[in-house]
Structures are given as structure tokens and as C-alpha cells.
Amino acid sequence: MGAMEPFLMPVEDLFRLRQGRAVMATGRIERGLVRKGDPAEIIGLGCGNTWTTS
């Protein structure tokens, strides 16, 4: 298992910020790396959108 593997973080909780205009997902990173500004895809429950990390 190394940093070159695709980023994987199961979402444990969601928090709504700024009166619901922003959502913060939290969880434990299982593999890979992510940096501020990297694209991340949220999959599952019919969602497959790509977001920018911040």
C-alpha cells in the first residue's frame, strides 16, 4: 500500500456550513494522498460528482 494508489476515504459524517451552502465530509483516509485543490469524486448513493478539495 503506497501513496501512488487512488485516494479512498469512506465518509463517516457530513456537516453543513454557511447555512447549507457548503458541505464538509469527514472520514478516515484508507489509501492514497490528497492535497488542497485536487479533484475528488464522491461516489455512492447515486452520486458521482467531482469536487475540488479545500
PDB file of N, CA and C in Angstrom:
ATOM      1  N   MET A   1       0.861  -1.178   0.000  1.00  0.00           N
ATOM      2  CA  MET A   1       0.000   0.000   0.000  1.00  0.00           C
ATOM      3  C   MET A   1       0.898   1.228   0.000  1.00  0.00           C
ATOM      4  N   GLY A   2       0.685   2.129  -0.976  1.00  0.00           N
ATOM      5  CA  GLY A   2       1.533   3.298  -1.072  1.00  0.00           C
ATOM      6  C   GLY A   2       0.762   4.531  -1.497  1.00  0.00           C
ATOM      7  N   ALA A   3       1.496   5.614  -1.608  1.00  0.00           N
ATOM      8  CA  ALA A   3       0.887   6.895  -1.953  1.00  0.00           C
ATOM      9  C   ALA A   3       0.426   6.942  -3.405  1.00  0.00           C
ATOM     10  N   MET A   4       0.887   6.020  -4.248  1.00  0.00           N
ATOM     11  CA  MET A   4       0.519   6.041  -5.653  1.00  0.00           C
ATOM     12  C   MET A   4      -0.845   5.406  -5.911  1.00  0.00           C
ATOM     13  N   GLU A   5      -1.428   4.797  -4.917  1.00  0.00           N
ATOM     14  CA  GLU A   5      -2.750   4.207  -5.074  1.00  0.00           C
ATOM     15  C   GLU A   5      -3.811   5.304  -5.104  1.00  0.00           C
ATOM     16  N   PRO A   6      -4.955   5.056  -5.741  1.00  0.00           N
ATOM     17  CA  PRO A   6      -6.023   6.059  -5.776  1.00  0.00           C
ATOM     18  C   PRO A   6      -6.495   6.410  -4.359  1.00  0.00           C
ATOM     19  N   PHE A   7      -6.811   7.672  -4.180  1.00  0.00           N
ATOM     20  CA  PHE A   7      -7.306   8.168  -2.897  1.00  0.00           C
ATOM     21  C   PHE A   7      -8.634   7.497  -2.556  1.00  0.00           C
ATOM     22  N   LEU A   8      -8.765   7.038  -1.316  1.00  0.00           N
ATOM     23  CA  LEU A   8     -10.006   6.419  -0.846  1.00  0.00           C
ATOM     24  C   LEU A   8     -10.260   6.845   0.593  1.00  0.00           C
ATOM     25  N   MET A   9     -11.402   7.490   0.824  1.00  0.00           N
ATOM     26  CA  MET A   9     -11.802   7.893   2.168  1.00  0.00           C
ATOM     27  C   MET A   9     -13.303   7.645   2.322  1.00  0.00           C
ATOM     28  N   PRO A  10     -13.674   6.588   3.036  1.00  0.00           N
ATOM     29  CA  PRO A  10     -15.101   6.398   3.315  1.00  0.00           C
ATOM     30  C   PRO A  10     -15.628   7.554   4.164  1.00  0.00           C
ATOM     31  N   VAL A  11     -16.755   8.099   3.774  1.00  0.00           N
ATOM     32  CA  VAL A  11     -17.345   9.231   4.503  1.00  0.00           C
ATOM     33  C   VAL A  11     -18.044   8.715   5.752  1.00  0.00           C
ATOM     34  N   GLU A  12     -17.660   9.274   6.899  1.00  0.00           N
ATOM     35  CA  GLU A  12     -18.267   8.895   8.170  1.00  0.00           C
ATOM     36  C   GLU A  12     -19.347   9.875   8.608  1.00  0.00           C
ATOM     37  N   ASP A  13     -19.177  11.156   8.248  1.00  0.00           N
ATOM     38  CA  ASP A  13     -20.145  12.165   8.670  1.00  0.00           C
ATOM     39  C   ASP A  13     -20.111  13.344   7.710  1.00  0.00           C
ATOM     40  N   LEU A  14     -21.222  14.072   7.634  1.00  0.00           N
ATOM     41  CA  LEU A  14     -21.326  15.278   6.817  1.00  0.00           C
ATOM     42  C   LEU A  14     -21.761  16.431   7.703  1.00  0.00           C
ATOM     43  N   PHE A  15     -21.159  17.586   7.476  1.00  0.00           N
ATOM     44  CA  PHE A  15     -21.523  18.791   8.209  1.00  0.00           C
ATOM     45  C   PHE A  15     -21.899  19.869   7.210  1.00  0.00           C
ATOM     46  N   ARG A  16     -23.006  20.552   7.455  1.00  0.00           N
ATOM     47  CA  ARG A  16     -23.428  21.666   6.602  1.00  0.00           C
ATOM     48  C   ARG A  16     -22.902  22.959   7.189  1.00  0.00           C
ATOM     49  N   LEU A  17     -22.275  23.751   6.348  1.00  0.00           N
ATOM     50  CA  LEU A  17     -21.673  25.010   6.756  1.00  0.00           C
ATOM     51  C   LEU A  17     -22.298  26.160   5.982  1.00  0.00           C
ATOM     52  N   ARG A  18     -22.198  27.346   6.516  1.00  0.00           N
ATOM     53  CA  ARG A  18     -22.683  28.561   5.845  1.00  0.00           C
ATOM     54  C   ARG A  18     -24.128  28.410   5.399  1.00  0.00           C
ATOM     55  N   GLN A  19     -24.982  28.077   6.306  1.00  0.00           N
ATOM     56  CA  GLN A  19     -26.427  27.950   6.073  1.00  0.00           C
ATOM     57  C   GLN A  19     -26.742  26.964   4.947  1.00  0.00           C
ATOM     58  N   GLY A  20     -25.987  25.879   4.883  1.00  0.00           N
ATOM     59  CA  GLY A  20     -26.257  24.825   3.913  1.00  0.00           C
ATOM     60  C   GLY A  20     -25.628  25.012   2.555  1.00  0.00           C
ATOM     61  N   ARG A  21     -24.865  26.090   2.352  1.00  0.00           N
ATOM     62  CA  ARG A  21     -24.252  26.324   1.042  1.00  0.00           C
ATOM     63  C   ARG A  21     -22.971  25.536   0.843  1.00  0.00           C
ATOM     64  N   ALA A  22     -22.397  25.022   1.907  1.00  0.00           N
ATOM     65  CA  ALA A  22     -21.171  24.218   1.818  1.00  0.00           C
ATOM     66  C   ALA A  22     -21.346  22.965   2.668  1.00  0.00           C
ATOM     67  N   VAL A  23     -20.722  21.886   2.238  1.00  0.00           N
ATOM     68  CA  VAL A  23     -20.795  20.626   2.976  1.00  0.00           C
ATOM     69  C   VAL A  23     -19.367  20.128   3.205  1.00  0.00           C
ATOM     70  N   MET A  24     -19.080  19.706   4.420  1.00  0.00           N
ATOM     71  CA  MET A  24     -17.778  19.150   4.750  1.00  0.00           C
ATOM     72  C   MET A  24     -17.955  17.668   5.082  1.00  0.00           C
ATOM     73  N   ALA A  25     -17.234  16.832   4.363  1.00  0.00           N
ATOM     74  CA  ALA A  25     -17.271  15.388   4.605  1.00  0.00           C
ATOM     75  C   ALA A  25     -16.067  15.015   5.459  1.00  0.00           C
ATOM     76  N   THR A  26     -16.278  14.155   6.445  1.00  0.00           N
ATOM     77  CA  THR A  26     -15.187  13.698   7.292  1.00  0.00           C
ATOM     78  C   THR A  26     -15.105  12.179   7.242  1.00  0.00           C
ATOM     79  N   GLY A  27     -13.922  11.665   7.480  1.00  0.00           N
ATOM     80  CA  GLY A  27     -13.705  10.227   7.490  1.00  0.00           C
ATOM     81  C   GLY A  27     -12.231   9.926   7.661  1.00  0.00           C
ATOM     82  N   ARG A  28     -11.896   8.660   7.586  1.00  0.00           N
ATOM     83  CA  ARG A  28     -10.509   8.219   7.743  1.00  0.00           C
ATOM     84  C   ARG A  28      -9.968   7.823   6.375  1.00  0.00           C
ATOM     85  N   ILE A  29      -8.840   8.405   5.992  1.00  0.00           N
ATOM     86  CA  ILE A  29      -8.217   8.076   4.709  1.00  0.00           C
ATOM     87  C   ILE A  29      -7.656   6.664   4.791  1.00  0.00           C
ATOM     88  N   GLU A  30      -8.095   5.800   3.872  1.00  0.00           N
ATOM     89  CA  GLU A  30      -7.637   4.409   3.856  1.00  0.00           C
ATOM     90  C   GLU A  30      -6.434   4.201   2.952  1.00  0.00           C
ATOM     91  N   ARG A  31      -6.322   5.008   1.883  1.00  0.00           N
ATOM     92  CA  ARG A  31      -5.167   4.874   0.993  1.00  0.00           C
ATOM     93  C   ARG A  31      -5.027   6.136   0.154  1.00  0.00           C
ATOM     94  N   GLY A  32      -3.831   6.319  -0.387  1.00  0.00           N
ATOM     95  CA  GLY A  32      -3.557   7.444  -1.268  1.00  0.00           C
ATOM     96  C   GLY A  32      -3.320   8.750  -0.531  1.00  0.00           C
ATOM     97  N   LEU A  33      -3.133   9.799  -1.325  1.00  0.00           N
ATOM     98  CA  LEU A  33      -2.904  11.147  -0.821  1.00  0.00           C
ATOM     99  C   LEU A  33      -3.861  12.109  -1.484  1.00  0.00           C
ATOM    100  N   VAL A  34      -4.160  13.191  -0.800  1.00  0.00           N
ATOM    101  CA  VAL A  34      -4.966  14.257  -1.386  1.00  0.00           C
ATOM    102  C   VAL A  34      -4.385  15.576  -0.901  1.00  0.00           C
ATOM    103  N   ARG A  35      -4.340  16.545  -1.805  1.00  0.00           N
ATOM    104  CA  ARG A  35      -3.834  17.878  -1.462  1.00  0.00           C
ATOM    105  C   ARG A  35      -4.902  18.908  -1.791  1.00  0.00           C
ATOM    106  N   LYS A  36      -4.801  20.058  -1.161  1.00  0.00           N
ATOM    107  CA  LYS A  36      -5.730  21.156  -1.415  1.00  0.00           C
ATOM    108  C   LYS A  36      -5.729  21.475  -2.907  1.00  0.00           C
ATOM    109  N   GLY A  37      -6.913  21.557  -3.488  1.00  0.00           N
ATOM    110  CA  GLY A  37      -7.060  21.844  -4.910  1.00  0.00           C
ATOM    111  C   GLY A  37      -7.165  20.617  -5.788  1.00  0.00           C
ATOM    112  N   ASP A  38      -6.912  19.429  -5.241  1.00  0.00           N
ATOM    113  CA  ASP A  38      -7.035  18.194  -6.025  1.00  0.00           C
ATOM    114  C   ASP A  38      -8.507  17.888  -6.295  1.00  0.00           C
ATOM    115  N   PRO A  39      -8.824  17.360  -7.482  1.00  0.00           N
ATOM    116  CA  PRO A  39     -10.192  16.925  -7.719  1.00  0.00           C
ATOM    117  C   PRO A  39     -10.476  15.627  -6.958  1.00  0.00           C
ATOM    118  N   ALA A  40     -11.680  15.489  -6.459  1.00  0.00           N
ATOM    119  CA  ALA A  40     -12.087  14.270  -5.751  1.00  0.00           C
ATOM    120  C   ALA A  40     -13.496  13.915  -6.203  1.00  0.00           C
ATOM    121  N   GLU A  41     -13.727  12.647  -6.425  1.00  0.00           N
ATOM    122  CA  GLU A  41     -15.047  12.185  -6.847  1.00  0.00           C
ATOM    123  C   GLU A  41     -15.750  11.529  -5.670  1.00  0.00           C
ATOM    124  N   ILE A  42     -16.974  11.982  -5.412  1.00  0.00           N
ATOM    125  CA  ILE A  42     -17.793  11.381  -4.365  1.00  0.00           C
ATOM    126  C   ILE A  42     -18.724  10.389  -5.054  1.00  0.00           C
ATOM    127  N   ILE A  43     -18.619   9.111  -4.684  1.00  0.00           N
ATOM    128  CA  ILE A  43     -19.423   8.083  -5.331  1.00  0.00           C
ATOM    129  C   ILE A  43     -20.304   7.391  -4.304  1.00  0.00           C
ATOM    130  N   GLY A  44     -21.358   6.763  -4.785  1.00  0.00           N
ATOM    131  CA  GLY A  44     -22.284   6.055  -3.904  1.00  0.00           C
ATOM    132  C   GLY A  44     -23.586   6.805  -3.761  1.00  0.00           C
ATOM    133  N   LEU A  45     -24.626   6.090  -3.422  1.00  0.00           N
ATOM    134  CA  LEU A  45     -25.964   6.656  -3.239  1.00  0.00           C
ATOM    135  C   LEU A  45     -26.420   7.474  -4.442  1.00  0.00           C
ATOM    136  N   GLY A  46     -26.042   7.030  -5.635  1.00  0.00           N
ATOM    137  CA  GLY A  46     -26.479   7.703  -6.857  1.00  0.00           C
ATOM    138  C   GLY A  46     -25.700   8.953  -7.189  1.00  0.00           C
ATOM    139  N   CYS A  47     -24.681   9.272  -6.413  1.00  0.00           N
ATOM    140  CA  CYS A  47     -23.874  10.474  -6.625  1.00  0.00           C
ATOM    141  C   CYS A  47     -22.584  10.076  -7.315  1.00  0.00           C
ATOM    142  N   GLY A  48     -22.154  10.854  -8.279  1.00  0.00           N
ATOM    143  CA  GLY A  48     -20.893  10.600  -8.951  1.00  0.00           C
ATOM    144  C   GLY A  48     -20.254  11.911  -9.387  1.00  0.00           C
ATOM    145  N   ASN A  49     -20.406  12.956  -8.584  1.00  0.00           N
ATOM    146  CA  ASN A  49     -19.901  14.278  -8.933  1.00  0.00           C
ATOM    147  C   ASN A  49     -18.440  14.441  -8.529  1.00  0.00           C
ATOM    148  N   THR A  50     -17.729  15.289  -9.280  1.00  0.00           N
ATOM    149  CA  THR A  50     -16.349  15.616  -8.966  1.00  0.00           C
ATOM    150  C   THR A  50     -16.302  16.980  -8.300  1.00  0.00           C
ATOM    151  N   TRP A  51     -15.539  17.075  -7.198  1.00  0.00           N
ATOM    152  CA  TRP A  51     -15.412  18.299  -6.419  1.00  0.00           C
ATOM    153  C   TRP A  51     -13.938  18.638  -6.273  1.00  0.00           C
ATOM    154  N   THR A  52     -13.656  19.868  -5.924  1.00  0.00           N
ATOM    155  CA  THR A  52     -12.294  20.293  -5.636  1.00  0.00           C
ATOM    156  C   THR A  52     -12.091  20.295  -4.138  1.00  0.00           C
ATOM    157  N   THR A  53     -10.993  19.712  -3.692  1.00  0.00           N
ATOM    158  CA  THR A  53     -10.727  19.657  -2.252  1.00  0.00           C
ATOM    159  C   THR A  53     -10.243  21.017  -1.763  1.00  0.00           C
ATOM    160  N   SER A  54     -10.555  21.301  -0.517  1.00  0.00           N
ATOM    161  CA  SER A  54     -10.104  22.567   0.072  1.00  0.00           C
ATOM    162  C   SER A  54      -9.743  22.371   1.518  1.00  0.00           C
TER     163      SER A  54
END
